[in-house]
Amino acid sequence: MLIQKTHHDISSKLSPNGHPNRIFIISPVIPGYPNAKFPGIVVFSEIYQVTGPVERFAGQIASHGFVVACPSSFHEFQGPDPIPYDVEGTDRGNKFKVDKEVAGYDEDAKDAIDLLMSLPNCNGRIAATGMCLGGHLAFRAAFDPRVKAAVCFFATDIHTATLGHGDDSLENIKGGVLTGPGKAELIMIFGKQDTHVPRA
């Protein structure tokens, strides 16, 4: 399926002095059907923001018939440009990850979901996915009742409650946020040799 790319800059209420949250939108296009509607998926990136590999992953999802929103993770600290896959970039991304307030991550997820819900080509059925940091953010996005499912690839820091300032992911689970009818379905995928998540 053909896809098109655009972005929206959303002001943050929690960090008004930071950069706006740039949310990249990748949408399917069906020539001759301008009013076609598709489910939406929020794709959360790892600590390097929306890099080429993340954009390609999101584009593959969009090409299967989903409107994809990819929020920038660290707009409080820098613009939307990707962080390099090198030692300095890894150190910077890891520092931003723990310095950011969890409320900021939740605001970013809400803004991405709100944006998807407002798009004329989205049918209102929303899911989330992400890898590494993004896996944890997709996990938290599932707490939003509008999210029907989340697929979390090697979600980091859930077991240590070290996502950022105020990480209450495990407390939410213990409190039953995903228990009962109508809650999001959740898939957690981990690598056998994952050094960030213990086997037990």
Protein backbone atom coordinates (compact mmCIF):
# COMPACT_ATOMS: atom_id res chain seq x y z
CA MET A 1 0.00 0.00 0.00
CA LEU A 2 1.20 3.52 -0.72
CA ILE A 3 2.01 5.75 2.25
CA GLN A 4 2.41 9.47 2.89
CA LYS A 5 4.33 11.28 5.64
CA THR A 6 3.67 14.49 7.51
CA HIS A 7 4.06 15.84 11.04
CA HIS A 8 2.26 17.95 13.63
CA ASP A 9 3.95 20.06 16.31
CA ILE A 10 2.01 19.91 19.59
CA SER A 11 2.76 22.32 22.45
CA SER A 12 3.42 20.67 25.80
CA LYS A 13 1.43 21.88 28.79
CA LEU A 14 3.95 20.29 31.17
CA SER A 15 7.07 21.80 29.61
CA PRO A 16 6.01 25.08 27.96
CA ASN A 17 9.64 26.22 27.67
CA GLY A 18 10.71 23.10 25.77
CA HIS A 19 10.35 22.37 22.08
CA PRO A 20 6.92 21.31 20.82
CA ASN A 21 6.33 17.58 20.62
CA ARG A 22 6.75 16.73 16.95
CA ILE A 23 4.47 13.80 16.12
CA PHE A 24 5.30 12.21 12.79
CA ILE A 25 2.27 10.80 10.95
CA ILE A 26 2.63 8.05 8.36
CA SER A 27 -0.63 7.16 6.63
CA PRO A 28 -1.79 4.70 3.99
CA VAL A 29 -3.06 6.15 0.74
CA ILE A 30 -5.51 4.42 -1.59
CA PRO A 31 -5.78 6.29 -4.91
CA GLY A 32 -9.41 6.93 -5.78
CA TYR A 33 -10.56 6.50 -2.16
CA PRO A 34 -9.81 9.81 -0.43
CA ASN A 35 -12.28 9.12 2.40
CA ALA A 36 -10.86 5.73 3.43
CA LYS A 37 -10.46 5.30 7.20
CA PHE A 38 -7.94 3.14 9.03
CA PRO A 39 -7.12 2.12 12.61
CA GLY A 40 -4.40 4.12 14.33
CA ILE A 41 -1.21 2.96 16.01
CA VAL A 42 1.16 4.97 18.17
CA VAL A 43 4.75 3.82 17.59
CA PHE A 44 7.08 4.78 20.42
CA SER A 45 10.80 4.88 19.66
CA GLU A 46 13.78 3.82 21.68
CA ILE A 47 16.06 6.41 23.34
CA TYR A 48 17.26 7.78 19.98
CA GLN A 49 13.89 9.38 19.05
CA VAL A 50 12.41 8.81 15.58
CA THR A 51 15.40 7.44 13.67
CA GLY A 52 15.52 5.95 10.17
CA PRO A 53 14.91 2.40 11.45
CA VAL A 54 11.95 3.54 13.59
CA GLU A 55 10.49 5.46 10.65
CA ARG A 56 10.88 2.39 8.41
CA PHE A 57 9.19 0.20 11.06
CA ALA A 58 6.33 2.71 11.25
CA GLY A 59 6.15 2.88 7.45
CA GLN A 60 5.82 -0.91 7.24
CA ILE A 61 2.94 -0.78 9.70
CA ALA A 62 1.27 2.04 7.75
CA SER A 63 1.65 0.11 4.49
CA HIS A 64 -0.55 -2.62 6.02
CA GLY A 65 -3.42 -0.18 6.51
CA PHE A 66 -2.81 1.77 9.73
CA VAL A 67 -2.40 5.47 10.44
CA VAL A 68 0.79 5.67 12.50
CA ALA A 69 1.79 8.40 14.94
CA CYS A 70 5.42 8.57 16.13
CA PRO A 71 5.95 11.11 18.92
CA SER A 72 9.35 12.64 19.65
CA SER A 73 10.39 11.38 23.08
CA PHE A 74 12.63 14.15 24.36
CA HIS A 75 11.19 17.48 23.20
CA GLU A 76 11.74 18.83 26.72
CA PHE A 77 15.49 18.68 26.11
CA GLN A 78 16.05 19.04 22.36
CA GLY A 79 14.30 19.27 19.01
CA PRO A 80 12.87 16.31 17.06
CA ASP A 81 16.10 15.32 15.32
CA PRO A 82 17.23 11.74 15.90
CA ILE A 83 19.93 11.10 18.46
CA PRO A 84 22.96 9.35 16.89
CA TYR A 85 23.51 5.63 17.43
CA ASP A 86 26.89 6.16 19.10
CA VAL A 87 28.34 6.35 22.63
CA GLU A 88 27.55 10.04 23.12
CA GLY A 89 24.04 9.58 21.71
CA THR A 90 23.40 6.54 23.89
CA ASP A 91 24.58 8.42 26.99
CA ARG A 92 22.43 11.43 26.07
CA GLY A 93 19.33 9.33 25.38
CA ASN A 94 19.73 7.38 28.62
CA LYS A 95 20.15 10.63 30.57
CA PHE A 96 17.03 12.15 28.97
CA LYS A 97 15.11 8.92 29.66
CA VAL A 98 15.59 9.15 33.43
CA ASP A 99 15.50 12.97 33.67
CA LYS A 100 12.07 13.21 32.03
CA GLU A 101 8.97 13.19 34.22
CA VAL A 102 6.69 10.19 33.70
CA ALA A 103 3.81 12.67 33.48
CA GLY A 104 5.58 14.06 30.38
CA TYR A 105 5.70 10.62 28.76
CA ASP A 106 2.00 10.19 29.53
CA GLU A 107 1.21 13.61 28.06
CA ASP A 108 3.08 12.67 24.88
CA ALA A 109 1.06 9.45 24.59
CA LYS A 110 -2.21 11.29 25.19
CA ASP A 111 -1.29 13.92 22.60
CA ALA A 112 -0.47 11.22 20.02
CA ILE A 113 -3.74 9.39 20.70
CA ASP A 114 -5.73 12.65 20.62
CA LEU A 115 -4.09 13.52 17.30
CA LEU A 116 -4.90 10.13 15.78
CA MET A 117 -8.52 10.40 16.97
CA SER A 118 -8.81 13.83 15.31
CA LEU A 119 -7.50 12.77 11.88
CA PRO A 120 -10.18 12.30 9.22
CA ASN A 121 -8.49 9.12 7.94
CA CYS A 122 -8.46 7.39 11.37
CA ASN A 123 -11.46 5.30 12.39
CA GLY A 124 -10.85 5.72 16.13
CA ARG A 125 -9.58 2.21 16.89
CA ILE A 126 -6.18 2.76 18.54
CA ALA A 127 -3.28 0.49 19.45
CA ALA A 128 0.31 1.12 20.56
CA THR A 129 3.68 -0.48 20.01
CA GLY A 130 7.32 0.31 20.63
CA MET A 131 10.73 -1.12 21.33
CA CYS A 132 13.04 -0.71 24.34
CA LEU A 133 12.05 2.63 25.95
CA GLY A 134 9.17 2.65 23.46
CA GLY A 135 8.06 -0.77 24.66
CA HIS A 136 7.61 0.65 28.15
CA LEU A 137 5.79 3.68 26.72
CA ALA A 138 3.46 1.41 24.71
CA PHE A 139 2.84 -0.53 27.95
CA ARG A 140 1.84 2.72 29.68
CA ALA A 141 -0.25 3.81 26.69
CA ALA A 142 -2.38 0.71 27.28
CA PHE A 143 -3.58 2.38 30.52
CA ASP A 144 -5.55 4.84 28.33
CA PRO A 145 -9.03 3.35 27.82
CA ARG A 146 -9.00 4.36 24.14
CA VAL A 147 -6.11 1.96 23.44
CA LYS A 148 -7.42 -1.49 22.50
CA ALA A 149 -4.09 -3.34 22.31
CA ALA A 150 -0.38 -2.86 22.86
CA VAL A 151 2.60 -4.87 21.58
CA CYS A 152 5.69 -4.13 23.64
CA PHE A 153 9.07 -5.21 22.28
CA PHE A 154 11.71 -5.69 25.02
CA ALA A 155 10.15 -3.00 27.22
CA THR A 156 12.84 -1.72 29.56
CA ASP A 157 12.68 -0.44 33.14
CA ILE A 158 9.23 -1.83 34.02
CA HIS A 159 10.68 -4.23 36.57
CA THR A 160 12.91 -1.56 38.16
CA ALA A 161 10.45 1.38 38.08
CA THR A 162 13.21 3.57 36.62
CA LEU A 163 11.54 4.96 33.49
CA GLY A 164 11.79 8.53 34.76
CA HIS A 165 10.71 10.68 37.69
CA GLY A 166 7.48 9.19 39.08
CA ASP A 167 7.51 5.76 37.37
CA ASP A 168 4.40 3.98 38.67
CA SER A 169 3.96 1.39 35.90
CA LEU A 170 4.13 -1.63 38.22
CA GLU A 171 1.91 0.05 40.82
CA ASN A 172 -0.72 0.64 38.11
CA ILE A 173 -0.62 -3.04 37.18
CA LYS A 174 -0.85 -4.14 40.82
CA GLY A 175 -3.82 -1.78 41.14
CA GLY A 176 -5.63 -3.55 38.29
CA VAL A 177 -5.45 -0.87 35.59
CA LEU A 178 -5.44 -3.58 32.88
CA THR A 179 -7.71 -6.07 34.67
CA GLY A 180 -11.29 -6.67 33.62
CA PRO A 181 -13.48 -6.43 30.56
CA GLY A 182 -12.83 -3.74 28.00
CA LYS A 183 -9.18 -3.27 28.97
CA ALA A 184 -6.39 -3.27 26.40
CA GLU A 185 -4.91 -6.56 25.31
CA LEU A 186 -1.17 -6.67 25.93
CA ILE A 187 1.65 -8.65 24.34
CA MET A 188 5.12 -8.48 25.87
CA ILE A 189 8.02 -9.74 23.73
CA PHE A 190 11.52 -10.18 25.17
CA GLY A 191 14.78 -11.54 23.77
CA LYS A 192 16.32 -14.58 25.38
CA GLN A 193 19.67 -12.81 25.71
CA ASP A 194 18.25 -9.39 26.71
CA THR A 195 20.77 -7.83 29.11
CA HIS A 196 18.31 -5.18 30.32
CA VAL A 197 15.60 -7.51 31.63
CA PRO A 198 16.28 -10.44 33.96
CA ARG A 199 14.87 -13.87 33.10
CA ALA A 200 13.06 -14.16 36.43
